[in-house]
Amino acid sequence: MIGVIDVGGGMKAIYSAGLLDYCLDNKIYFDYALGVSAGSGNLMNYTSRQIGRAKSFYLDYSFRSEYLSMKNLFTKGEYCDLSYPYKILSNENGESPIDYETLFSSDTYFKGVVTNAQTGKAEYYGEETMSKNDYWISMASSAIPFVSKPYERYGKAFYDGGIADPIPLKQALADGCEKVVVIL
């Protein structure tokens, strides 16, 4: 099994989004995709085979006050409202919906890493824990402390996966990957 890890990195993750689009354009498909932080969103787009989708999030939507703003900080208690890109824009009636059917029928298995806010340990969740219009893994994996509120699921609070496991190579190997491409 050949895997890919996208470590994200905030807005610089547009680079990895472009690289993943290149892979799709050239029919380069990985069996396994493990995302960290913004990389988890990029890999959801890759797994759903939506070329160019991530680019609009970095170049268009990120400038909207609903996503990143002082207004959010004062009205919602967080500068970055991750529900905007992952719930409002990405849901089936949103401006840029995820292709749910392709995401879950793709030959690429999607997984994300999150940090348990209480233990500080990394936890890994696969696509089977998501459902249509509930792309919680990418929200939780991208929740940066003091910038976003923690994402709550299963009675736990989660933050950005890069805090506990910024390059989850050991997890990819433990999950059965024989070769792994890491996008830094």
N, C-alpha and C. Protein backbone atom coordinates (compact mmCIF):
# COMPACT_ATOMS: atom_id res chain seq x y z
N MET A 1 0.86 -1.18 0.00
CA MET A 1 0.00 0.00 0.00
C MET A 1 0.90 1.24 0.00
N ILE A 2 0.57 2.18 -0.85
CA ILE A 2 1.32 3.44 -0.93
C ILE A 2 0.43 4.55 -0.38
N GLY A 3 1.00 5.32 0.56
CA GLY A 3 0.24 6.37 1.20
C GLY A 3 0.82 7.75 0.95
N VAL A 4 0.02 8.75 1.30
CA VAL A 4 0.46 10.13 1.24
C VAL A 4 0.07 10.80 2.55
N ILE A 5 0.98 11.60 3.08
CA ILE A 5 0.72 12.41 4.27
C ILE A 5 0.85 13.87 3.85
N ASP A 6 -0.16 14.67 4.17
CA ASP A 6 -0.11 16.11 3.95
C ASP A 6 -0.09 16.75 5.33
N VAL A 7 1.02 17.41 5.68
CA VAL A 7 1.17 17.97 7.02
C VAL A 7 0.53 19.34 7.17
N GLY A 8 -0.05 19.87 6.12
CA GLY A 8 -0.77 21.14 6.23
C GLY A 8 0.17 22.32 6.41
N GLY A 9 -0.16 23.16 7.39
CA GLY A 9 0.66 24.33 7.64
C GLY A 9 -0.05 25.64 7.36
N GLY A 10 -1.34 25.67 7.65
CA GLY A 10 -2.10 26.90 7.44
C GLY A 10 -2.20 27.27 5.98
N MET A 11 -2.05 28.54 5.67
CA MET A 11 -2.23 29.00 4.30
C MET A 11 -1.13 28.51 3.35
N LYS A 12 0.03 28.11 3.90
CA LYS A 12 1.07 27.57 3.01
C LYS A 12 0.66 26.22 2.43
N ALA A 13 -0.39 25.64 2.97
CA ALA A 13 -0.88 24.35 2.48
C ALA A 13 -1.47 24.46 1.07
N ILE A 14 -1.57 25.68 0.54
CA ILE A 14 -2.00 25.81 -0.86
C ILE A 14 -0.99 25.12 -1.77
N TYR A 15 0.28 25.07 -1.35
CA TYR A 15 1.31 24.37 -2.12
C TYR A 15 0.96 22.88 -2.23
N SER A 16 0.65 22.26 -1.10
CA SER A 16 0.33 20.83 -1.15
C SER A 16 -0.99 20.59 -1.88
N ALA A 17 -1.92 21.54 -1.79
CA ALA A 17 -3.18 21.41 -2.53
C ALA A 17 -2.88 21.38 -4.03
N GLY A 18 -1.97 22.23 -4.48
CA GLY A 18 -1.58 22.24 -5.89
C GLY A 18 -0.88 20.96 -6.30
N LEU A 19 -0.03 20.45 -5.42
CA LEU A 19 0.66 19.19 -5.70
C LEU A 19 -0.34 18.03 -5.81
N LEU A 20 -1.32 18.01 -4.92
CA LEU A 20 -2.34 16.96 -4.96
C LEU A 20 -3.21 17.09 -6.21
N ASP A 21 -3.50 18.32 -6.62
CA ASP A 21 -4.23 18.52 -7.88
C ASP A 21 -3.41 18.00 -9.06
N TYR A 22 -2.10 18.22 -9.02
CA TYR A 22 -1.22 17.69 -10.07
C TYR A 22 -1.34 16.16 -10.11
N CYS A 23 -1.32 15.54 -8.95
CA CYS A 23 -1.47 14.08 -8.90
C CYS A 23 -2.78 13.65 -9.54
N LEU A 24 -3.86 14.33 -9.21
CA LEU A 24 -5.16 13.98 -9.79
C LEU A 24 -5.16 14.20 -11.30
N ASP A 25 -4.61 15.32 -11.74
CA ASP A 25 -4.54 15.61 -13.18
C ASP A 25 -3.80 14.50 -13.94
N ASN A 26 -2.82 13.90 -13.27
CA ASN A 26 -1.99 12.89 -13.91
C ASN A 26 -2.34 11.47 -13.47
N LYS A 27 -3.52 11.34 -12.86
CA LYS A 27 -4.04 10.03 -12.45
C LYS A 27 -3.08 9.27 -11.54
N ILE A 28 -2.47 10.02 -10.61
CA ILE A 28 -1.62 9.43 -9.59
C ILE A 28 -2.47 9.30 -8.33
N TYR A 29 -2.81 8.07 -8.01
CA TYR A 29 -3.71 7.81 -6.89
C TYR A 29 -2.99 7.03 -5.81
N PHE A 30 -3.13 7.49 -4.58
CA PHE A 30 -2.57 6.80 -3.43
C PHE A 30 -3.65 5.93 -2.81
N ASP A 31 -3.23 4.87 -2.14
CA ASP A 31 -4.17 3.97 -1.49
C ASP A 31 -4.66 4.52 -0.15
N TYR A 32 -3.85 5.38 0.45
CA TYR A 32 -4.06 5.82 1.83
C TYR A 32 -3.68 7.30 1.90
N ALA A 33 -4.48 8.10 2.59
CA ALA A 33 -4.22 9.53 2.74
C ALA A 33 -4.40 9.92 4.20
N LEU A 34 -3.35 10.43 4.82
CA LEU A 34 -3.39 10.82 6.23
C LEU A 34 -3.11 12.32 6.32
N GLY A 35 -4.10 13.07 6.81
CA GLY A 35 -3.99 14.52 6.86
C GLY A 35 -3.76 15.07 8.24
N VAL A 36 -2.96 16.12 8.28
CA VAL A 36 -2.67 16.86 9.51
C VAL A 36 -3.09 18.31 9.27
N SER A 37 -3.89 18.85 10.16
CA SER A 37 -4.29 20.25 10.10
C SER A 37 -4.91 20.57 8.74
N ALA A 38 -4.44 21.63 8.07
CA ALA A 38 -5.01 21.99 6.76
C ALA A 38 -4.82 20.87 5.74
N GLY A 39 -3.83 20.03 5.97
CA GLY A 39 -3.60 18.88 5.08
C GLY A 39 -4.76 17.91 5.08
N SER A 40 -5.51 17.86 6.17
CA SER A 40 -6.67 16.95 6.19
C SER A 40 -7.75 17.45 5.23
N GLY A 41 -7.93 18.76 5.16
CA GLY A 41 -8.88 19.31 4.20
C GLY A 41 -8.42 19.07 2.77
N ASN A 42 -7.13 19.28 2.53
CA ASN A 42 -6.58 19.02 1.20
C ASN A 42 -6.80 17.57 0.78
N LEU A 43 -6.58 16.66 1.71
CA LEU A 43 -6.71 15.24 1.37
C LEU A 43 -8.16 14.80 1.24
N MET A 44 -9.09 15.50 1.89
CA MET A 44 -10.51 15.22 1.62
C MET A 44 -10.82 15.57 0.17
N ASN A 45 -10.28 16.70 -0.30
CA ASN A 45 -10.48 17.10 -1.70
C ASN A 45 -9.83 16.10 -2.65
N TYR A 46 -8.64 15.64 -2.30
CA TYR A 46 -7.94 14.65 -3.12
C TYR A 46 -8.73 13.34 -3.17
N THR A 47 -9.17 12.88 -2.01
CA THR A 47 -9.90 11.61 -1.94
C THR A 47 -11.22 11.69 -2.68
N SER A 48 -11.86 12.87 -2.66
CA SER A 48 -13.12 13.04 -3.39
C SER A 48 -12.89 13.40 -4.86
N ARG A 49 -11.60 13.47 -5.26
CA ARG A 49 -11.20 13.68 -6.66
C ARG A 49 -11.69 15.02 -7.22
N GLN A 50 -11.70 16.06 -6.36
CA GLN A 50 -12.19 17.38 -6.76
C GLN A 50 -11.02 18.32 -7.06
N ILE A 51 -10.57 18.28 -8.28
CA ILE A 51 -9.44 19.10 -8.72
C ILE A 51 -9.81 20.58 -8.61
N GLY A 52 -8.92 21.36 -7.98
CA GLY A 52 -9.10 22.80 -7.88
C GLY A 52 -9.96 23.26 -6.73
N ARG A 53 -10.64 22.35 -6.05
CA ARG A 53 -11.55 22.76 -4.98
C ARG A 53 -10.80 23.46 -3.84
N ALA A 54 -9.67 22.93 -3.43
CA ALA A 54 -8.93 23.51 -2.31
C ALA A 54 -8.44 24.92 -2.62
N LYS A 55 -8.06 25.15 -3.86
CA LYS A 55 -7.53 26.46 -4.26
C LYS A 55 -8.49 27.59 -3.90
N SER A 56 -9.77 27.38 -4.14
CA SER A 56 -10.75 28.43 -3.83
C SER A 56 -10.84 28.71 -2.34
N PHE A 57 -10.58 27.70 -1.51
CA PHE A 57 -10.62 27.93 -0.06
C PHE A 57 -9.45 28.82 0.38
N TYR A 58 -8.30 28.64 -0.23
CA TYR A 58 -7.14 29.45 0.12
C TYR A 58 -7.17 30.84 -0.50
N LEU A 59 -7.64 30.95 -1.73
CA LEU A 59 -7.57 32.23 -2.45
C LEU A 59 -8.85 33.06 -2.39
N ASP A 60 -9.98 32.46 -2.12
CA ASP A 60 -11.24 33.20 -2.10
C ASP A 60 -11.89 33.20 -0.72
N TYR A 61 -12.27 32.04 -0.25
CA TYR A 61 -13.06 31.95 0.98
C TYR A 61 -12.29 32.40 2.22
N SER A 62 -10.98 32.25 2.23
CA SER A 62 -10.21 32.61 3.43
C SER A 62 -10.24 34.10 3.72
N PHE A 63 -10.64 34.91 2.75
CA PHE A 63 -10.71 36.35 2.96
C PHE A 63 -12.08 36.81 3.43
N ARG A 64 -12.98 35.91 3.60
CA ARG A 64 -14.32 36.27 4.07
C ARG A 64 -14.34 36.37 5.59
N SER A 65 -15.07 37.34 6.08
CA SER A 65 -15.12 37.56 7.53
C SER A 65 -15.82 36.43 8.27
N GLU A 66 -16.63 35.66 7.57
CA GLU A 66 -17.29 34.53 8.22
C GLU A 66 -16.28 33.46 8.63
N TYR A 67 -15.14 33.45 7.97
CA TYR A 67 -14.11 32.44 8.21
C TYR A 67 -13.05 32.94 9.19
N LEU A 68 -12.35 34.00 8.82
CA LEU A 68 -11.26 34.55 9.64
C LEU A 68 -11.51 36.03 9.87
N SER A 69 -11.74 36.43 11.14
CA SER A 69 -11.97 37.86 11.39
C SER A 69 -11.99 38.19 12.87
N MET A 70 -11.74 39.45 13.14
CA MET A 70 -11.87 39.95 14.51
C MET A 70 -13.34 39.91 14.92
N LYS A 71 -14.23 40.08 13.96
CA LYS A 71 -15.66 39.98 14.25
C LYS A 71 -15.98 38.62 14.86
N ASN A 72 -15.42 37.55 14.28
CA ASN A 72 -15.61 36.21 14.85
C ASN A 72 -15.09 36.15 16.27
N LEU A 73 -13.93 36.75 16.48
CA LEU A 73 -13.33 36.71 17.81
C LEU A 73 -14.25 37.33 18.85
N PHE A 74 -14.86 38.47 18.51
CA PHE A 74 -15.72 39.16 19.47
C PHE A 74 -17.13 38.58 19.56
N THR A 75 -17.63 38.00 18.47
CA THR A 75 -19.00 37.48 18.50
C THR A 75 -19.08 35.98 18.80
N LYS A 76 -18.03 35.23 18.42
CA LYS A 76 -18.06 33.77 18.59
C LYS A 76 -16.99 33.25 19.53
N GLY A 77 -16.07 34.12 19.92
CA GLY A 77 -15.00 33.70 20.82
C GLY A 77 -13.86 32.96 20.13
N GLU A 78 -13.78 33.08 18.80
CA GLU A 78 -12.69 32.46 18.05
C GLU A 78 -12.43 33.28 16.79
N TYR A 79 -11.17 33.44 16.44
CA TYR A 79 -10.80 34.20 15.25
C TYR A 79 -11.14 33.41 13.98
N CYS A 80 -10.88 32.12 14.03
CA CYS A 80 -11.10 31.25 12.87
C CYS A 80 -12.30 30.34 13.14
N ASP A 81 -13.36 30.54 12.40
CA ASP A 81 -14.57 29.72 12.55
C ASP A 81 -14.52 28.58 11.54
N LEU A 82 -14.07 27.42 11.98
CA LEU A 82 -13.91 26.28 11.08
C LEU A 82 -15.23 25.68 10.61
N SER A 83 -16.33 26.05 11.24
CA SER A 83 -17.62 25.55 10.75
C SER A 83 -17.96 26.20 9.40
N TYR A 84 -17.38 27.38 9.13
CA TYR A 84 -17.67 28.03 7.85
C TYR A 84 -17.15 27.21 6.66
N PRO A 85 -15.87 26.86 6.61
CA PRO A 85 -15.44 26.06 5.45
C PRO A 85 -15.94 24.62 5.47
N TYR A 86 -16.02 24.01 6.66
CA TYR A 86 -16.31 22.57 6.71
C TYR A 86 -17.77 22.21 6.90
N LYS A 87 -18.59 23.15 7.30
CA LYS A 87 -20.03 22.87 7.43
C LYS A 87 -20.85 23.68 6.43
N ILE A 88 -20.62 24.98 6.39
CA ILE A 88 -21.45 25.84 5.56
C ILE A 88 -21.08 25.74 4.08
N LEU A 89 -19.80 25.92 3.75
CA LEU A 89 -19.39 25.87 2.35
C LEU A 89 -19.37 24.45 1.78
N SER A 90 -18.99 23.47 2.61
CA SER A 90 -18.76 22.11 2.11
C SER A 90 -19.98 21.20 2.12
N ASN A 91 -21.06 21.61 2.79
CA ASN A 91 -22.21 20.70 2.85
C ASN A 91 -22.91 20.63 1.49
N GLU A 92 -23.81 19.70 1.36
CA GLU A 92 -24.43 19.43 0.05
C GLU A 92 -25.14 20.64 -0.55
N ASN A 93 -25.59 21.58 0.27
CA ASN A 93 -26.24 22.78 -0.25
C ASN A 93 -25.32 24.00 -0.22
N GLY A 94 -24.06 23.78 0.11
CA GLY A 94 -23.11 24.87 0.23
C GLY A 94 -22.59 25.36 -1.11
N GLU A 95 -21.80 26.41 -1.03
CA GLU A 95 -21.21 27.02 -2.22
C GLU A 95 -20.22 26.10 -2.92
N SER A 96 -19.56 25.24 -2.13
CA SER A 96 -18.53 24.36 -2.69
C SER A 96 -18.63 22.99 -2.02
N PRO A 97 -19.67 22.23 -2.35
CA PRO A 97 -19.90 20.96 -1.65
C PRO A 97 -18.84 19.90 -1.93
N ILE A 98 -18.55 19.14 -0.90
CA ILE A 98 -17.69 17.96 -1.05
C ILE A 98 -18.48 16.92 -1.84
N ASP A 99 -17.82 16.23 -2.73
CA ASP A 99 -18.46 15.13 -3.45
C ASP A 99 -18.47 13.92 -2.51
N TYR A 100 -19.50 13.86 -1.71
CA TYR A 100 -19.62 12.84 -0.67
C TYR A 100 -19.52 11.43 -1.23
N GLU A 101 -20.24 11.17 -2.29
CA GLU A 101 -20.27 9.81 -2.85
C GLU A 101 -18.87 9.37 -3.27
N THR A 102 -18.14 10.25 -3.94
CA THR A 102 -16.78 9.90 -4.37
C THR A 102 -15.84 9.79 -3.18
N LEU A 103 -15.98 10.69 -2.20
CA LEU A 103 -15.13 10.65 -1.01
C LEU A 103 -15.19 9.28 -0.34
N PHE A 104 -16.39 8.74 -0.23
CA PHE A 104 -16.54 7.48 0.50
C PHE A 104 -16.50 6.24 -0.38
N SER A 105 -16.46 6.41 -1.69
CA SER A 105 -16.34 5.25 -2.56
C SER A 105 -14.97 5.18 -3.24
N SER A 106 -14.16 6.18 -2.99
CA SER A 106 -12.83 6.27 -3.60
C SER A 106 -11.95 5.09 -3.16
N ASP A 107 -11.00 4.75 -4.00
CA ASP A 107 -10.02 3.71 -3.65
C ASP A 107 -8.98 4.22 -2.66
N THR A 108 -8.99 5.51 -2.38
CA THR A 108 -8.08 6.10 -1.40
C THR A 108 -8.79 6.16 -0.05
N TYR A 109 -8.16 5.59 0.98
CA TYR A 109 -8.72 5.63 2.33
C TYR A 109 -8.24 6.91 3.01
N PHE A 110 -9.17 7.70 3.53
CA PHE A 110 -8.86 8.98 4.17
C PHE A 110 -8.85 8.83 5.69
N LYS A 111 -7.83 9.43 6.31
CA LYS A 111 -7.71 9.44 7.77
C LYS A 111 -7.11 10.77 8.19
N GLY A 112 -7.44 11.21 9.40
CA GLY A 112 -6.88 12.45 9.92
C GLY A 112 -6.38 12.27 11.34
N VAL A 113 -5.44 13.11 11.72
CA VAL A 113 -4.90 13.08 13.08
C VAL A 113 -5.41 14.31 13.83
N VAL A 114 -5.81 14.10 15.07
CA VAL A 114 -6.25 15.18 15.96
C VAL A 114 -5.49 15.06 17.27
N THR A 115 -5.47 16.12 18.04
CA THR A 115 -4.84 16.11 19.35
C THR A 115 -5.92 16.16 20.41
N ASN A 116 -5.92 15.19 21.31
CA ASN A 116 -6.85 15.17 22.43
C ASN A 116 -6.45 16.30 23.37
N ALA A 117 -7.35 17.25 23.60
CA ALA A 117 -7.04 18.44 24.39
C ALA A 117 -6.76 18.11 25.85
N GLN A 118 -7.28 17.00 26.36
CA GLN A 118 -7.05 16.66 27.77
C GLN A 118 -5.77 15.87 27.98
N THR A 119 -5.46 14.96 27.06
CA THR A 119 -4.27 14.12 27.23
C THR A 119 -3.05 14.65 26.49
N GLY A 120 -3.29 15.47 25.47
CA GLY A 120 -2.19 15.94 24.64
C GLY A 120 -1.68 14.90 23.67
N LYS A 121 -2.35 13.78 23.59
CA LYS A 121 -1.93 12.67 22.73
C LYS A 121 -2.66 12.73 21.38
N ALA A 122 -1.99 12.19 20.38
CA ALA A 122 -2.58 12.10 19.05
C ALA A 122 -3.61 10.99 19.01
N GLU A 123 -4.69 11.23 18.27
CA GLU A 123 -5.69 10.21 17.99
C GLU A 123 -5.95 10.27 16.49
N TYR A 124 -6.27 9.12 15.93
CA TYR A 124 -6.42 8.99 14.48
C TYR A 124 -7.81 8.47 14.17
N TYR A 125 -8.48 9.14 13.24
CA TYR A 125 -9.85 8.76 12.88
C TYR A 125 -9.97 8.65 11.37
N GLY A 126 -10.66 7.61 10.94
CA GLY A 126 -10.83 7.36 9.52
C GLY A 126 -12.15 7.87 9.00
N GLU A 127 -12.28 7.79 7.69
CA GLU A 127 -13.46 8.30 6.99
C GLU A 127 -14.76 7.67 7.47
N GLU A 128 -14.69 6.47 8.02
CA GLU A 128 -15.92 5.81 8.49
C GLU A 128 -16.55 6.53 9.68
N THR A 129 -15.82 7.45 10.33
CA THR A 129 -16.38 8.21 11.45
C THR A 129 -17.08 9.49 10.98
N MET A 130 -17.00 9.76 9.68
CA MET A 130 -17.67 10.94 9.12
C MET A 130 -18.95 10.50 8.42
N SER A 131 -19.79 11.46 8.16
CA SER A 131 -21.00 11.19 7.39
C SER A 131 -21.27 12.41 6.51
N LYS A 132 -22.24 12.28 5.64
CA LYS A 132 -22.55 13.39 4.73
C LYS A 132 -22.81 14.66 5.53
N ASN A 133 -22.16 15.73 5.13
CA ASN A 133 -22.27 17.04 5.78
C ASN A 133 -21.66 17.09 7.18
N ASP A 134 -20.88 16.09 7.54
CA ASP A 134 -20.22 16.06 8.85
C ASP A 134 -18.76 15.67 8.66
N TYR A 135 -17.96 16.65 8.26
CA TYR A 135 -16.55 16.42 7.96
C TYR A 135 -15.70 16.85 9.15
N TRP A 136 -16.05 16.29 10.30
CA TRP A 136 -15.50 16.71 11.58
C TRP A 136 -14.00 16.51 11.70
N ILE A 137 -13.46 15.49 11.04
CA ILE A 137 -12.03 15.22 11.19
C ILE A 137 -11.20 16.43 10.76
N SER A 138 -11.54 17.02 9.64
CA SER A 138 -10.78 18.17 9.16
C SER A 138 -10.98 19.39 10.05
N MET A 139 -12.17 19.54 10.61
CA MET A 139 -12.40 20.65 11.55
C MET A 139 -11.54 20.47 12.79
N ALA A 140 -11.58 19.29 13.37
CA ALA A 140 -10.83 19.03 14.60
C ALA A 140 -9.32 19.11 14.34
N SER A 141 -8.88 18.54 13.23
CA SER A 141 -7.46 18.51 12.92
C SER A 141 -6.89 19.89 12.64
N SER A 142 -7.76 20.87 12.35
CA SER A 142 -7.31 22.22 12.01
C SER A 142 -7.56 23.24 13.12
N ALA A 143 -8.09 22.82 14.24
CA ALA A 143 -8.45 23.75 15.33
C ALA A 143 -7.21 24.14 16.14
N ILE A 144 -6.68 25.31 15.84
CA ILE A 144 -5.47 25.80 16.51
C ILE A 144 -5.86 26.48 17.82
N PRO A 145 -5.23 26.09 18.94
CA PRO A 145 -5.54 26.73 20.22
C PRO A 145 -5.38 28.25 20.15
N PHE A 146 -6.27 28.96 20.81
CA PHE A 146 -6.31 30.42 20.89
C PHE A 146 -6.77 31.08 19.58
N VAL A 147 -6.86 30.33 18.51
CA VAL A 147 -7.34 30.85 17.24
C VAL A 147 -8.74 30.30 16.96
N SER A 148 -8.92 29.04 17.31
CA SER A 148 -10.22 28.36 17.15
C SER A 148 -10.59 27.68 18.46
N LYS A 149 -11.85 27.46 18.63
CA LYS A 149 -12.31 26.66 19.76
C LYS A 149 -11.97 25.20 19.48
N PRO A 150 -11.82 24.40 20.54
CA PRO A 150 -11.61 22.97 20.29
C PRO A 150 -12.86 22.37 19.67
N TYR A 151 -12.67 21.32 18.90
CA TYR A 151 -13.81 20.62 18.31
C TYR A 151 -14.18 19.47 19.23
N GLU A 152 -15.45 19.37 19.57
CA GLU A 152 -15.89 18.34 20.51
C GLU A 152 -16.58 17.20 19.78
N ARG A 153 -16.18 15.98 20.17
CA ARG A 153 -16.73 14.76 19.58
C ARG A 153 -16.45 13.62 20.54
N TYR A 154 -17.35 12.69 20.66
CA TYR A 154 -17.19 11.51 21.52
C TYR A 154 -16.91 11.90 22.98
N GLY A 155 -17.43 13.03 23.41
CA GLY A 155 -17.22 13.48 24.78
C GLY A 155 -15.81 13.99 25.04
N LYS A 156 -15.07 14.28 23.97
CA LYS A 156 -13.70 14.76 24.08
C LYS A 156 -13.57 16.07 23.32
N ALA A 157 -12.57 16.85 23.69
CA ALA A 157 -12.25 18.07 22.95
C ALA A 157 -10.96 17.83 22.17
N PHE A 158 -10.96 18.26 20.91
CA PHE A 158 -9.81 18.04 20.04
C PHE A 158 -9.26 19.34 19.48
N TYR A 159 -7.95 19.35 19.29
CA TYR A 159 -7.26 20.45 18.63
C TYR A 159 -6.47 19.92 17.44
N ASP A 160 -5.78 20.84 16.80
CA ASP A 160 -4.96 20.57 15.63
C ASP A 160 -4.07 19.34 15.81
N GLY A 161 -4.12 18.44 14.85
CA GLY A 161 -3.34 17.21 14.93
C GLY A 161 -1.85 17.43 14.91
N GLY A 162 -1.42 18.56 14.36
CA GLY A 162 0.01 18.86 14.29
C GLY A 162 0.65 19.11 15.63
N ILE A 163 -0.14 19.35 16.65
CA ILE A 163 0.41 19.57 17.99
C ILE A 163 1.02 18.28 18.52
N ALA A 164 0.31 17.17 18.38
CA ALA A 164 0.76 15.90 18.94
C ALA A 164 1.54 15.04 17.95
N ASP A 165 1.23 15.13 16.67
CA ASP A 165 1.91 14.30 15.68
C ASP A 165 2.00 15.06 14.35
N PRO A 166 2.98 15.96 14.25
CA PRO A 166 3.06 16.81 13.06
C PRO A 166 3.40 16.08 11.77
N ILE A 167 4.10 14.97 11.86
CA ILE A 167 4.41 14.15 10.68
C ILE A 167 4.12 12.70 11.06
N PRO A 168 2.89 12.25 10.90
CA PRO A 168 2.46 10.93 11.41
C PRO A 168 2.91 9.73 10.57
N LEU A 169 4.20 9.67 10.29
CA LEU A 169 4.75 8.59 9.48
C LEU A 169 4.59 7.24 10.17
N LYS A 170 4.83 7.19 11.48
CA LYS A 170 4.68 5.91 12.21
C LYS A 170 3.27 5.37 12.08
N GLN A 171 2.28 6.25 12.13
CA GLN A 171 0.88 5.81 12.02
C GLN A 171 0.61 5.24 10.63
N ALA A 172 1.10 5.90 9.60
CA ALA A 172 0.90 5.41 8.23
C ALA A 172 1.52 4.03 8.06
N LEU A 173 2.71 3.84 8.60
CA LEU A 173 3.37 2.54 8.51
C LEU A 173 2.61 1.49 9.33
N ALA A 174 2.14 1.88 10.52
CA ALA A 174 1.36 0.96 11.36
C ALA A 174 0.05 0.57 10.68
N ASP A 175 -0.49 1.46 9.87
CA ASP A 175 -1.74 1.18 9.16
C ASP A 175 -1.52 0.34 7.90
N GLY A 176 -0.28 -0.01 7.63
CA GLY A 176 0.00 -0.93 6.52
C GLY A 176 0.68 -0.34 5.30
N CYS A 177 1.03 0.93 5.35
CA CYS A 177 1.71 1.52 4.19
C CYS A 177 3.14 0.96 4.09
N GLU A 178 3.52 0.59 2.89
CA GLU A 178 4.88 0.13 2.63
C GLU A 178 5.75 1.29 2.15
N LYS A 179 5.12 2.24 1.48
CA LYS A 179 5.79 3.45 1.01
C LYS A 179 4.88 4.62 1.33
N VAL A 180 5.52 5.75 1.68
CA VAL A 180 4.73 6.94 2.03
C VAL A 180 5.38 8.19 1.43
N VAL A 181 4.59 8.98 0.76
CA VAL A 181 5.01 10.29 0.27
C VAL A 181 4.57 11.30 1.33
N VAL A 182 5.52 12.09 1.83
CA VAL A 182 5.20 13.11 2.83
C VAL A 182 5.32 14.48 2.18
N ILE A 183 4.23 15.24 2.20
CA ILE A 183 4.22 16.59 1.65
C ILE A 183 4.39 17.56 2.81
N LEU A 184 5.54 18.23 2.84
CA LEU A 184 5.84 19.16 3.94
C LEU A 184 5.44 20.58 3.60
